[in-house]
Amino acid sequence: MSGELHAVHAESDLSLLARIHAASFDEAWSEAALRGLLKTPGTLAFAAPDGFIIMRLASDEAEILSLAVAPGRRRRGWGAALVSKAATLAHRSGARTMFLEVATSNEPARALYRRLGFAEAGRRRAYYGGKEDALILSANLPLMPLGNPKASTTVATQPRGNDRDAD
């Protein structure tokens, strides 16, 4: 797989991002919802050929609002690359901490975030559809990936597996 990460703006064609989000989440965001979010001050997005991340910056904090990678393209490093890019920009913009919510059942995503240095900071009961809890994860910036930092944020050209929710 080839391709680079690039900034996404409210004026961008958001149809691919909406399709990726719909394939990744039960409660999908439409193009209009994505566009509205990107018009919000402090909200930034980056896309890869098969995924995207949206984050919000406020004061010295950053929050990942959504990370999605196309189901058939997971486990190739795009998720880690997107989170790393967002964290780097957030840190350069003055953020000292990054937060996100992840479903308790989404073990592949939780493993990705652990690998990148995120730790549990709290829990939101019945956050997803009134049924599933969300873990609140946080990491100090800059990110300090566990193990080999280079391996944690490199895009693989061949799939490493077939986990449905991993990066």
Protein backbone atom coordinates (compact mmCIF):
# COMPACT_ATOMS: atom_id res chain seq x y z
CA MET A 1 0.00 0.00 0.00
CA SER A 2 1.28 3.44 -0.81
CA GLY A 3 0.10 6.91 0.06
CA GLU A 4 0.72 9.71 2.46
CA LEU A 5 -1.21 11.37 5.21
CA HIS A 6 -2.81 14.66 4.26
CA ALA A 7 -4.90 17.34 5.96
CA VAL A 8 -8.67 17.27 5.47
CA HIS A 9 -10.75 20.45 5.59
CA ALA A 10 -14.48 21.24 5.71
CA GLU A 11 -14.30 22.09 1.99
CA SER A 12 -12.80 18.69 1.12
CA ASP A 13 -14.72 15.84 -0.49
CA LEU A 14 -15.75 13.91 2.62
CA SER A 15 -17.60 11.05 0.91
CA LEU A 16 -14.79 8.52 1.39
CA LEU A 17 -14.41 9.46 5.06
CA ALA A 18 -18.15 9.03 5.58
CA ARG A 19 -18.04 5.58 3.94
CA ILE A 20 -15.06 4.51 6.07
CA HIS A 21 -16.81 5.76 9.21
CA ALA A 22 -20.02 3.90 8.28
CA ALA A 23 -18.04 0.69 7.77
CA SER A 24 -16.31 1.16 11.13
CA PHE A 25 -19.04 2.28 13.54
CA ASP A 26 -22.67 1.41 14.26
CA GLU A 27 -23.50 5.11 14.68
CA ALA A 28 -21.88 6.51 11.55
CA TRP A 29 -21.24 10.17 10.83
CA SER A 30 -22.58 11.53 7.53
CA GLU A 31 -20.68 13.85 5.20
CA ALA A 32 -22.75 16.73 6.62
CA ALA A 33 -21.87 15.76 10.20
CA LEU A 34 -18.17 15.50 9.33
CA ARG A 35 -18.29 18.85 7.54
CA GLY A 36 -19.99 20.51 10.51
CA LEU A 37 -17.43 19.06 12.88
CA LEU A 38 -14.54 20.27 10.73
CA LYS A 39 -15.98 23.80 10.79
CA THR A 40 -15.72 23.82 14.59
CA PRO A 41 -12.75 25.92 15.77
CA GLY A 42 -9.82 23.78 16.91
CA THR A 43 -10.96 20.68 15.02
CA LEU A 44 -8.43 19.11 12.65
CA ALA A 45 -8.43 15.99 10.49
CA PHE A 46 -5.92 13.92 8.58
CA ALA A 47 -6.57 11.17 6.08
CA ALA A 48 -4.62 8.24 4.72
CA PRO A 49 -5.68 6.33 1.61
CA ASP A 50 -7.76 3.99 3.77
CA GLY A 51 -8.52 5.88 6.97
CA PHE A 52 -8.75 9.15 8.87
CA ILE A 53 -8.52 10.79 12.27
CA ILE A 54 -10.36 13.82 13.63
CA MET A 55 -9.16 15.62 16.75
CA ARG A 56 -9.99 18.75 18.67
CA LEU A 57 -7.48 21.05 20.34
CA ALA A 58 -8.43 23.12 23.38
CA SER A 59 -5.88 24.90 25.54
CA ASP A 60 -3.20 22.34 26.45
CA GLU A 61 -5.34 19.30 25.64
CA ALA A 62 -6.18 17.34 22.50
CA GLU A 63 -9.01 14.87 22.05
CA ILE A 64 -9.28 12.24 19.35
CA LEU A 65 -12.91 12.44 18.24
CA SER A 66 -12.74 9.58 15.77
CA LEU A 67 -10.21 7.22 14.22
CA ALA A 68 -11.37 4.92 11.44
CA VAL A 69 -9.56 2.61 9.03
CA ALA A 70 -11.37 0.70 6.27
CA PRO A 71 -12.09 -2.84 7.50
CA GLY A 72 -10.12 -4.55 4.73
CA ARG A 73 -7.09 -2.32 5.31
CA ARG A 74 -6.59 -2.69 9.04
CA ARG A 75 -3.44 -4.11 10.65
CA ARG A 76 -1.15 -2.26 8.21
CA GLY A 77 -0.10 0.62 10.47
CA TRP A 78 -2.43 3.35 9.22
CA GLY A 79 -4.12 3.75 12.62
CA ALA A 80 -0.80 4.17 14.40
CA ALA A 81 0.44 6.57 11.72
CA LEU A 82 -2.73 8.69 11.98
CA VAL A 83 -2.63 8.85 15.79
CA SER A 84 1.09 9.69 15.71
CA LYS A 85 0.55 12.47 13.16
CA ALA A 86 -2.32 13.95 15.20
CA ALA A 87 -0.32 13.70 18.45
CA THR A 88 2.72 15.36 16.88
CA LEU A 89 0.64 18.27 15.57
CA ALA A 90 -1.20 18.58 18.89
CA HIS A 91 2.09 18.71 20.78
CA ARG A 92 3.51 21.32 18.40
CA SER A 93 0.32 23.34 18.97
CA GLY A 94 0.87 23.35 22.74
CA ALA A 95 -1.13 20.32 23.88
CA ARG A 96 0.42 18.41 26.76
CA THR A 97 -2.18 15.62 27.00
CA MET A 98 -4.28 13.67 24.49
CA PHE A 99 -7.57 11.95 25.37
CA LEU A 100 -9.99 9.62 23.59
CA GLU A 101 -12.86 7.23 24.25
CA VAL A 102 -12.83 3.61 23.09
CA ALA A 103 -15.42 0.87 23.49
CA THR A 104 -14.51 -1.63 26.18
CA SER A 105 -15.05 -4.48 23.69
CA ASN A 106 -12.75 -3.00 21.04
CA GLU A 107 -9.63 -4.87 22.12
CA PRO A 108 -7.69 -4.33 18.86
CA ALA A 109 -8.09 -0.53 19.16
CA ARG A 110 -7.27 -0.67 22.87
CA ALA A 111 -4.09 -2.60 22.03
CA LEU A 112 -3.13 0.03 19.45
CA TYR A 113 -3.58 2.83 21.97
CA ARG A 114 -1.65 0.93 24.67
CA ARG A 115 1.19 0.41 22.20
CA LEU A 116 1.25 4.16 21.58
CA GLY A 117 1.45 4.96 25.30
CA PHE A 118 -2.20 5.62 26.25
CA ALA A 119 -3.48 4.49 29.66
CA GLU A 120 -6.94 4.26 31.19
CA ALA A 121 -8.04 7.50 32.88
CA GLY A 122 -11.74 6.79 33.45
CA ARG A 123 -14.92 5.15 32.21
CA ARG A 124 -18.18 6.43 30.75
CA ARG A 125 -20.99 4.03 31.62
CA ALA A 126 -23.35 3.02 28.78
CA TYR A 127 -21.67 5.56 26.47
CA TYR A 128 -22.19 3.68 23.21
CA GLY A 129 -25.85 3.33 22.35
CA GLY A 130 -26.76 3.19 26.01
CA LYS A 131 -25.34 -0.33 26.12
CA GLU A 132 -21.56 -0.36 26.16
CA ASP A 133 -19.09 1.46 28.36
CA ALA A 134 -16.32 3.60 26.95
CA LEU A 135 -12.88 3.73 28.45
CA ILE A 136 -11.36 7.19 28.62
CA LEU A 137 -7.70 6.88 27.68
CA SER A 138 -5.04 9.55 27.99
CA ALA A 139 -1.41 9.99 27.09
CA ASN A 140 1.12 12.68 27.79
CA LEU A 141 2.55 14.37 24.72
CA PRO A 142 4.79 13.77 22.94
CA LEU A 143 3.71 10.14 22.68
CA MET A 144 6.18 7.57 23.97
CA PRO A 145 5.24 4.30 22.19
CA LEU A 146 6.02 1.07 24.01
CA GLY A 147 8.73 -1.14 22.59
CA ASN A 148 10.29 0.04 19.34
CA PRO A 149 8.84 3.50 18.62
CA LYS A 150 9.71 3.26 14.93
CA ALA A 151 7.94 -0.09 14.55
CA SER A 152 4.88 1.26 16.36
CA THR A 153 4.30 4.05 13.84
CA THR A 154 5.44 2.57 10.52
CA VAL A 155 2.95 1.71 7.80
CA ALA A 156 3.21 -1.93 6.73
CA THR A 157 2.98 -2.83 3.06
CA GLN A 158 1.59 -6.30 3.80
CA PRO A 159 -1.26 -7.13 6.19
CA ARG A 160 -0.22 -8.54 9.57
CA GLY A 161 -3.52 -10.20 10.35
CA ASN A 162 -7.22 -9.88 10.03
CA ASP A 163 -8.49 -8.22 13.22
CA ARG A 164 -11.70 -6.31 12.50
CA ASP A 165 -10.96 -3.22 14.60
CA ALA A 166 -7.20 -2.91 14.69
CA ASP A 167 -5.31 -0.20 12.95
